Amino acid sequence: RWLYQDRLAMAGVALTLDGPVAGHLGWMSAPYADAPEAKRAPLMGSAELRNKMVRALMDDFQVVVTAHGDAAVGEALGAFSELAPTFQGARHWRLHGVEAMSPNDGALLNRDIFPTVRAEAAGDDGAALRVAMGDGNPAATAPWQAVAESSGALSLGSMTPMQAPQPLISFANAITRTDRQGQPFGGGEPGHRLSREA
């Protein structure tokens, strides 16, 4: 795993199931409310995902799975749950994205899963995310409070270096779930607001 005279190490493997929900690239259980024709398939199937995870874990690599839509998040959590008994030890199962999650998948979260999310998904990007999912979608939008309570950990990331880091705005997005104009009033899905101490 060490290259260039032990100056560079490959420590992890990143696997991607889908893209951002607001851009209609997420793998969702239900069609997009504003673009029903844009229903996306996963970038890899269940068997391929598990096979690649097993191959990486057998060589002791850290695995991170990117999953934005509720179907993708459910698939990733299901894979974690299936492989955890075989690959026990001091490792976290890393999950990146989590813009939408089915209420039924919350039971698969545990303290061995370490999620990384973008605060902007509930703030500046929240309006586009809610329009894409629609009011009738049972999946929660940016369900961070449920994720934090179940996993015991939640990492707020950013799009840096593709976007300039704005940590104070991200912090405000996370605790208010509003955009820079204070919309929507009271926050989108306010039950998932994070506290300042979280």
C-alpha atoms as a PDB file:
ATOM      1  CA  ARG A   1       0.000   0.000   0.000  1.00  0.00           C
ATOM      2  CA  TRP A   2       3.022   2.290   0.316  1.00  0.00           C
ATOM      3  CA  LEU A   3       4.341   3.915  -2.861  1.00  0.00           C
ATOM      4  CA  TYR A   4       7.116   6.293  -3.890  1.00  0.00           C
ATOM      5  CA  GLN A   5       9.656   5.137  -1.315  1.00  0.00           C
ATOM      6  CA  ASP A   6       7.058   5.054   1.465  1.00  0.00           C
ATOM      7  CA  ARG A   7       5.972   8.670   0.904  1.00  0.00           C
ATOM      8  CA  LEU A   8       2.407   7.911  -0.217  1.00  0.00           C
ATOM      9  CA  ALA A   9      -0.016   5.363   1.204  1.00  0.00           C
ATOM     10  CA  MET A  10      -3.367   4.216  -0.116  1.00  0.00           C
ATOM     11  CA  ALA A  11      -5.490   3.833   3.008  1.00  0.00           C
ATOM     12  CA  GLY A  12      -9.057   3.754   1.698  1.00  0.00           C
ATOM     13  CA  VAL A  13     -11.398   2.905  -1.146  1.00  0.00           C
ATOM     14  CA  ALA A  14     -14.297   5.170  -2.204  1.00  0.00           C
ATOM     15  CA  LEU A  15     -17.370   3.647  -3.853  1.00  0.00           C
ATOM     16  CA  THR A  16     -20.145   5.793  -5.352  1.00  0.00           C
ATOM     17  CA  LEU A  17     -23.776   4.710  -5.692  1.00  0.00           C
ATOM     18  CA  ASP A  18     -25.338   7.939  -6.988  1.00  0.00           C
ATOM     19  CA  GLY A  19     -25.097  11.726  -7.262  1.00  0.00           C
ATOM     20  CA  PRO A  20     -26.798  14.745  -5.648  1.00  0.00           C
ATOM     21  CA  VAL A  21     -30.585  14.621  -5.338  1.00  0.00           C
ATOM     22  CA  ALA A  22     -31.124  18.291  -6.235  1.00  0.00           C
ATOM     23  CA  GLY A  23     -29.481  17.638  -9.615  1.00  0.00           C
ATOM     24  CA  HIS A  24     -31.748  14.615 -10.222  1.00  0.00           C
ATOM     25  CA  LEU A  25     -28.712  12.326  -9.993  1.00  0.00           C
ATOM     26  CA  GLY A  26     -29.682  10.587  -6.762  1.00  0.00           C
ATOM     27  CA  TRP A  27     -31.066   7.045  -6.614  1.00  0.00           C
ATOM     28  CA  MET A  28     -34.527   7.525  -5.115  1.00  0.00           C
ATOM     29  CA  SER A  29     -37.245   5.037  -4.188  1.00  0.00           C
ATOM     30  CA  ALA A  30     -39.943   7.295  -5.662  1.00  0.00           C
ATOM     31  CA  PRO A  31     -39.815   9.349  -8.886  1.00  0.00           C
ATOM     32  CA  TYR A  32     -38.674  12.960  -8.643  1.00  0.00           C
ATOM     33  CA  ALA A  33     -41.636  15.264  -8.023  1.00  0.00           C
ATOM     34  CA  ASP A  34     -40.423  17.883 -10.501  1.00  0.00           C
ATOM     35  CA  ALA A  35     -38.944  15.484 -13.074  1.00  0.00           C
ATOM     36  CA  PRO A  36     -40.564  12.012 -12.955  1.00  0.00           C
ATOM     37  CA  GLU A  37     -38.728  10.946 -16.079  1.00  0.00           C
ATOM     38  CA  ALA A  38     -35.363  11.447 -14.361  1.00  0.00           C
ATOM     39  CA  LYS A  39     -35.547   8.319 -12.181  1.00  0.00           C
ATOM     40  CA  ARG A  40     -31.962   7.148 -11.732  1.00  0.00           C
ATOM     41  CA  ALA A  41     -30.488   3.681 -11.441  1.00  0.00           C
ATOM     42  CA  PRO A  42     -27.548   3.059  -9.092  1.00  0.00           C
ATOM     43  CA  LEU A  43     -24.037   3.352 -10.499  1.00  0.00           C
ATOM     44  CA  MET A  44     -23.366  -0.217  -9.349  1.00  0.00           C
ATOM     45  CA  GLY A  45     -25.584  -3.124  -8.352  1.00  0.00           C
ATOM     46  CA  SER A  46     -25.908  -4.785  -4.953  1.00  0.00           C
ATOM     47  CA  ALA A  47     -23.595  -7.678  -5.788  1.00  0.00           C
ATOM     48  CA  GLU A  48     -20.921  -5.406  -7.282  1.00  0.00           C
ATOM     49  CA  LEU A  49     -21.014  -3.065  -4.276  1.00  0.00           C
ATOM     50  CA  ARG A  50     -20.604  -5.903  -1.786  1.00  0.00           C
ATOM     51  CA  ASN A  51     -17.905  -7.598  -3.856  1.00  0.00           C
ATOM     52  CA  LYS A  52     -15.820  -4.425  -4.028  1.00  0.00           C
ATOM     53  CA  MET A  53     -16.330  -3.749  -0.327  1.00  0.00           C
ATOM     54  CA  VAL A  54     -15.211  -7.275   0.595  1.00  0.00           C
ATOM     55  CA  ARG A  55     -12.107  -7.061  -1.599  1.00  0.00           C
ATOM     56  CA  ALA A  56     -11.139  -3.735  -0.003  1.00  0.00           C
ATOM     57  CA  LEU A  57     -11.852  -4.895   3.550  1.00  0.00           C
ATOM     58  CA  MET A  58      -9.858  -8.104   3.100  1.00  0.00           C
ATOM     59  CA  ASP A  59      -6.816  -5.923   2.392  1.00  0.00           C
ATOM     60  CA  ASP A  60      -7.629  -3.754   5.430  1.00  0.00           C
ATOM     61  CA  PHE A  61      -8.621  -0.644   3.475  1.00  0.00           C
ATOM     62  CA  GLN A  62     -11.093   1.867   4.903  1.00  0.00           C
ATOM     63  CA  VAL A  63     -14.270   1.874   2.797  1.00  0.00           C
ATOM     64  CA  VAL A  64     -16.422   4.958   2.184  1.00  0.00           C
ATOM     65  CA  VAL A  65     -19.672   4.701   0.244  1.00  0.00           C
ATOM     66  CA  THR A  66     -21.226   7.826  -1.308  1.00  0.00           C
ATOM     67  CA  ALA A  67     -25.029   7.628  -1.232  1.00  0.00           C
ATOM     68  CA  HIS A  68     -27.329  10.655  -1.589  1.00  0.00           C
ATOM     69  CA  GLY A  69     -30.832   9.383  -2.403  1.00  0.00           C
ATOM     70  CA  ASP A  70     -32.937   7.319  -0.005  1.00  0.00           C
ATOM     71  CA  ALA A  71     -32.614   4.136  -2.099  1.00  0.00           C
ATOM     72  CA  ALA A  72     -28.837   4.534  -2.248  1.00  0.00           C
ATOM     73  CA  VAL A  73     -28.589   5.209   1.496  1.00  0.00           C
ATOM     74  CA  GLY A  74     -30.701   2.129   2.191  1.00  0.00           C
ATOM     75  CA  GLU A  75     -28.486   0.021  -0.070  1.00  0.00           C
ATOM     76  CA  ALA A  76     -25.308   1.237   1.630  1.00  0.00           C
ATOM     77  CA  LEU A  77     -26.683   0.668   5.125  1.00  0.00           C
ATOM     78  CA  GLY A  78     -27.855  -2.799   4.106  1.00  0.00           C
ATOM     79  CA  ALA A  79     -24.368  -3.661   2.844  1.00  0.00           C
ATOM     80  CA  PHE A  80     -22.786  -2.381   6.060  1.00  0.00           C
ATOM     81  CA  SER A  81     -25.195  -4.476   8.118  1.00  0.00           C
ATOM     82  CA  GLU A  82     -24.511  -7.632   6.112  1.00  0.00           C
ATOM     83  CA  LEU A  83     -20.716  -7.347   6.173  1.00  0.00           C
ATOM     84  CA  ALA A  84     -20.240  -6.083   9.731  1.00  0.00           C
ATOM     85  CA  PRO A  85     -20.354  -9.543  11.408  1.00  0.00           C
ATOM     86  CA  THR A  86     -17.611 -10.824   9.082  1.00  0.00           C
ATOM     87  CA  PHE A  87     -15.344  -7.765   9.279  1.00  0.00           C
ATOM     88  CA  GLN A  88     -15.343  -6.873  12.951  1.00  0.00           C
ATOM     89  CA  GLY A  89     -12.722  -4.692  14.566  1.00  0.00           C
ATOM     90  CA  ALA A  90     -11.738  -1.084  15.152  1.00  0.00           C
ATOM     91  CA  ARG A  91     -13.145   0.402  11.952  1.00  0.00           C
ATOM     92  CA  HIS A  92     -15.945   2.787  11.112  1.00  0.00           C
ATOM     93  CA  TRP A  93     -18.238   2.209   8.172  1.00  0.00           C
ATOM     94  CA  ARG A  94     -18.092   5.561   6.373  1.00  0.00           C
ATOM     95  CA  LEU A  95     -21.164   6.930   4.606  1.00  0.00           C
ATOM     96  CA  HIS A  96     -21.006  10.149   2.582  1.00  0.00           C
ATOM     97  CA  GLY A  97     -23.950  12.212   1.290  1.00  0.00           C
ATOM     98  CA  VAL A  98     -27.220  11.179   3.042  1.00  0.00           C
ATOM     99  CA  GLU A  99     -29.447  13.862   1.494  1.00  0.00           C
ATOM    100  CA  ALA A 100     -32.556  11.688   1.877  1.00  0.00           C
ATOM    101  CA  MET A 101     -33.343   8.654   4.016  1.00  0.00           C
ATOM    102  CA  SER A 102     -36.336   6.362   4.401  1.00  0.00           C
ATOM    103  CA  PRO A 103     -37.757   6.245   7.939  1.00  0.00           C
ATOM    104  CA  ASN A 104     -37.358   2.440   7.881  1.00  0.00           C
ATOM    105  CA  ASP A 105     -33.601   2.670   7.333  1.00  0.00           C
ATOM    106  CA  GLY A 106     -32.951   4.499  10.588  1.00  0.00           C
ATOM    107  CA  ALA A 107     -32.914   1.127  12.376  1.00  0.00           C
ATOM    108  CA  LEU A 108     -29.814   0.123  10.352  1.00  0.00           C
ATOM    109  CA  LEU A 109     -27.759   3.019  11.722  1.00  0.00           C
ATOM    110  CA  ASN A 110     -25.424   2.309  14.621  1.00  0.00           C
ATOM    111  CA  ARG A 111     -22.357   3.729  16.315  1.00  0.00           C
ATOM    112  CA  ASP A 112     -19.970   1.932  13.954  1.00  0.00           C
ATOM    113  CA  ILE A 113     -21.269   4.014  11.019  1.00  0.00           C
ATOM    114  CA  PHE A 114     -19.636   7.411  10.524  1.00  0.00           C
ATOM    115  CA  PRO A 115     -21.743   9.664   8.231  1.00  0.00           C
ATOM    116  CA  THR A 116     -20.410  12.759   6.455  1.00  0.00           C
ATOM    117  CA  VAL A 117     -22.943  15.306   5.142  1.00  0.00           C
ATOM    118  CA  ARG A 118     -23.078  18.813   3.659  1.00  0.00           C
ATOM    119  CA  ALA A 119     -24.817  21.448   5.786  1.00  0.00           C
ATOM    120  CA  GLU A 120     -25.890  23.282   2.608  1.00  0.00           C
ATOM    121  CA  ALA A 121     -28.279  20.410   1.802  1.00  0.00           C
ATOM    122  CA  ALA A 122     -30.641  21.748   4.480  1.00  0.00           C
ATOM    123  CA  GLY A 123     -29.842  25.423   3.955  1.00  0.00           C
ATOM    124  CA  ASP A 124     -28.777  27.104   0.738  1.00  0.00           C
ATOM    125  CA  ASP A 125     -29.472  23.975  -1.354  1.00  0.00           C
ATOM    126  CA  GLY A 126     -32.476  22.885   0.677  1.00  0.00           C
ATOM    127  CA  ALA A 127     -35.137  24.502  -1.534  1.00  0.00           C
ATOM    128  CA  ALA A 128     -33.965  22.652  -4.650  1.00  0.00           C
ATOM    129  CA  LEU A 129     -33.753  19.426  -2.673  1.00  0.00           C
ATOM    130  CA  ARG A 130     -37.303  19.767  -1.332  1.00  0.00           C
ATOM    131  CA  VAL A 131     -38.689  20.651  -4.798  1.00  0.00           C
ATOM    132  CA  ALA A 132     -36.987  17.591  -6.297  1.00  0.00           C
ATOM    133  CA  MET A 133     -38.369  15.263  -3.625  1.00  0.00           C
ATOM    134  CA  GLY A 134     -41.854  16.785  -3.355  1.00  0.00           C
ATOM    135  CA  ASP A 135     -44.185  17.172  -0.401  1.00  0.00           C
ATOM    136  CA  GLY A 136     -45.586  13.650  -0.590  1.00  0.00           C
ATOM    137  CA  ASN A 137     -42.255  11.834  -0.395  1.00  0.00           C
ATOM    138  CA  PRO A 138     -42.018   9.876   2.882  1.00  0.00           C
ATOM    139  CA  ALA A 139     -38.221  10.066   2.885  1.00  0.00           C
ATOM    140  CA  ALA A 140     -36.744  12.672   5.213  1.00  0.00           C
ATOM    141  CA  THR A 141     -34.706  15.489   3.648  1.00  0.00           C
ATOM    142  CA  ALA A 142     -31.217  15.825   5.161  1.00  0.00           C
ATOM    143  CA  PRO A 143     -32.283  13.753   8.214  1.00  0.00           C
ATOM    144  CA  TRP A 144     -29.303  14.687  10.326  1.00  0.00           C
ATOM    145  CA  GLN A 145     -30.848  14.653  13.775  1.00  0.00           C
ATOM    146  CA  ALA A 146     -31.979  11.059  13.290  1.00  0.00           C
ATOM    147  CA  VAL A 147     -28.580  10.138  11.848  1.00  0.00           C
ATOM    148  CA  ALA A 148     -26.688  11.794  14.711  1.00  0.00           C
ATOM    149  CA  GLU A 149     -28.850  10.176  17.377  1.00  0.00           C
ATOM    150  CA  SER A 150     -28.533   6.679  15.870  1.00  0.00           C
ATOM    151  CA  SER A 151     -24.868   6.704  14.867  1.00  0.00           C
ATOM    152  CA  GLY A 152     -23.560   8.904  17.671  1.00  0.00           C
ATOM    153  CA  ALA A 153     -21.429  10.847  15.187  1.00  0.00           C
ATOM    154  CA  LEU A 154     -22.012  13.222  12.310  1.00  0.00           C
ATOM    155  CA  SER A 155     -19.354  14.999  10.282  1.00  0.00           C
ATOM    156  CA  LEU A 156     -20.260  18.190   8.407  1.00  0.00           C
ATOM    157  CA  GLY A 157     -18.237  18.540   5.222  1.00  0.00           C
ATOM    158  CA  SER A 158     -18.159  20.883   2.234  1.00  0.00           C
ATOM    159  CA  MET A 159     -17.576  20.909  -1.527  1.00  0.00           C
ATOM    160  CA  THR A 160     -14.048  22.310  -1.140  1.00  0.00           C
ATOM    161  CA  PRO A 161     -12.015  22.621  -3.384  1.00  0.00           C
ATOM    162  CA  MET A 162     -14.872  22.804  -5.937  1.00  0.00           C
ATOM    163  CA  GLN A 163     -16.457  25.571  -3.844  1.00  0.00           C
ATOM    164  CA  ALA A 164     -14.874  28.052  -1.444  1.00  0.00           C
ATOM    165  CA  PRO A 165     -15.275  26.940   2.185  1.00  0.00           C
ATOM    166  CA  GLN A 166     -17.800  28.983   4.187  1.00  0.00           C
ATOM    167  CA  PRO A 167     -17.836  27.368   7.638  1.00  0.00           C
ATOM    168  CA  LEU A 168     -19.970  29.991   9.399  1.00  0.00           C
ATOM    169  CA  ILE A 169     -22.687  29.811   6.725  1.00  0.00           C
ATOM    170  CA  SER A 170     -22.573  26.007   6.881  1.00  0.00           C
ATOM    171  CA  PHE A 171     -22.883  26.166  10.669  1.00  0.00           C
ATOM    172  CA  ALA A 172     -25.932  28.448  10.352  1.00  0.00           C
ATOM    173  CA  ASN A 173     -27.490  26.108   7.757  1.00  0.00           C
ATOM    174  CA  ALA A 174     -27.102  23.155  10.111  1.00  0.00           C
ATOM    175  CA  ILE A 175     -28.667  24.737  13.205  1.00  0.00           C
ATOM    176  CA  THR A 176     -31.454  26.704  11.473  1.00  0.00           C
ATOM    177  CA  ARG A 177     -32.117  24.662   8.286  1.00  0.00           C
ATOM    178  CA  THR A 178     -32.738  27.924   6.442  1.00  0.00           C
ATOM    179  CA  ASP A 179     -30.879  29.603   3.590  1.00  0.00           C
ATOM    180  CA  ARG A 180     -29.060  32.945   3.755  1.00  0.00           C
ATOM    181  CA  GLN A 181     -32.364  34.801   3.361  1.00  0.00           C
ATOM    182  CA  GLY A 182     -33.878  32.972   6.338  1.00  0.00           C
ATOM    183  CA  GLN A 183     -36.136  30.814   4.163  1.00  0.00           C
ATOM    184  CA  PRO A 184     -38.158  28.756   4.710  1.00  0.00           C
ATOM    185  CA  PHE A 185     -39.479  30.401   7.865  1.00  0.00           C
ATOM    186  CA  GLY A 186     -38.839  28.093  10.801  1.00  0.00           C
ATOM    187  CA  GLY A 187     -36.543  25.879   8.727  1.00  0.00           C
ATOM    188  CA  GLY A 188     -37.202  22.969   6.381  1.00  0.00           C
ATOM    189  CA  GLU A 189     -38.045  19.862   8.450  1.00  0.00           C
ATOM    190  CA  PRO A 190     -37.058  21.692  11.673  1.00  0.00           C
ATOM    191  CA  GLY A 191     -37.114  18.466  13.667  1.00  0.00           C
ATOM    192  CA  HIS A 192     -33.749  17.635  12.102  1.00  0.00           C
ATOM    193  CA  ARG A 193     -32.012  20.853  13.190  1.00  0.00           C
ATOM    194  CA  LEU A 194     -28.692  20.287  14.896  1.00  0.00           C
ATOM    195  CA  SER A 195     -27.837  22.027  18.131  1.00  0.00           C
ATOM    196  CA  ARG A 196     -24.820  24.305  18.409  1.00  0.00           C
ATOM    197  CA  GLU A 197     -23.231  21.745  20.715  1.00  0.00           C
ATOM    198  CA  ALA A 198     -23.768  18.757  18.386  1.00  0.00           C
END
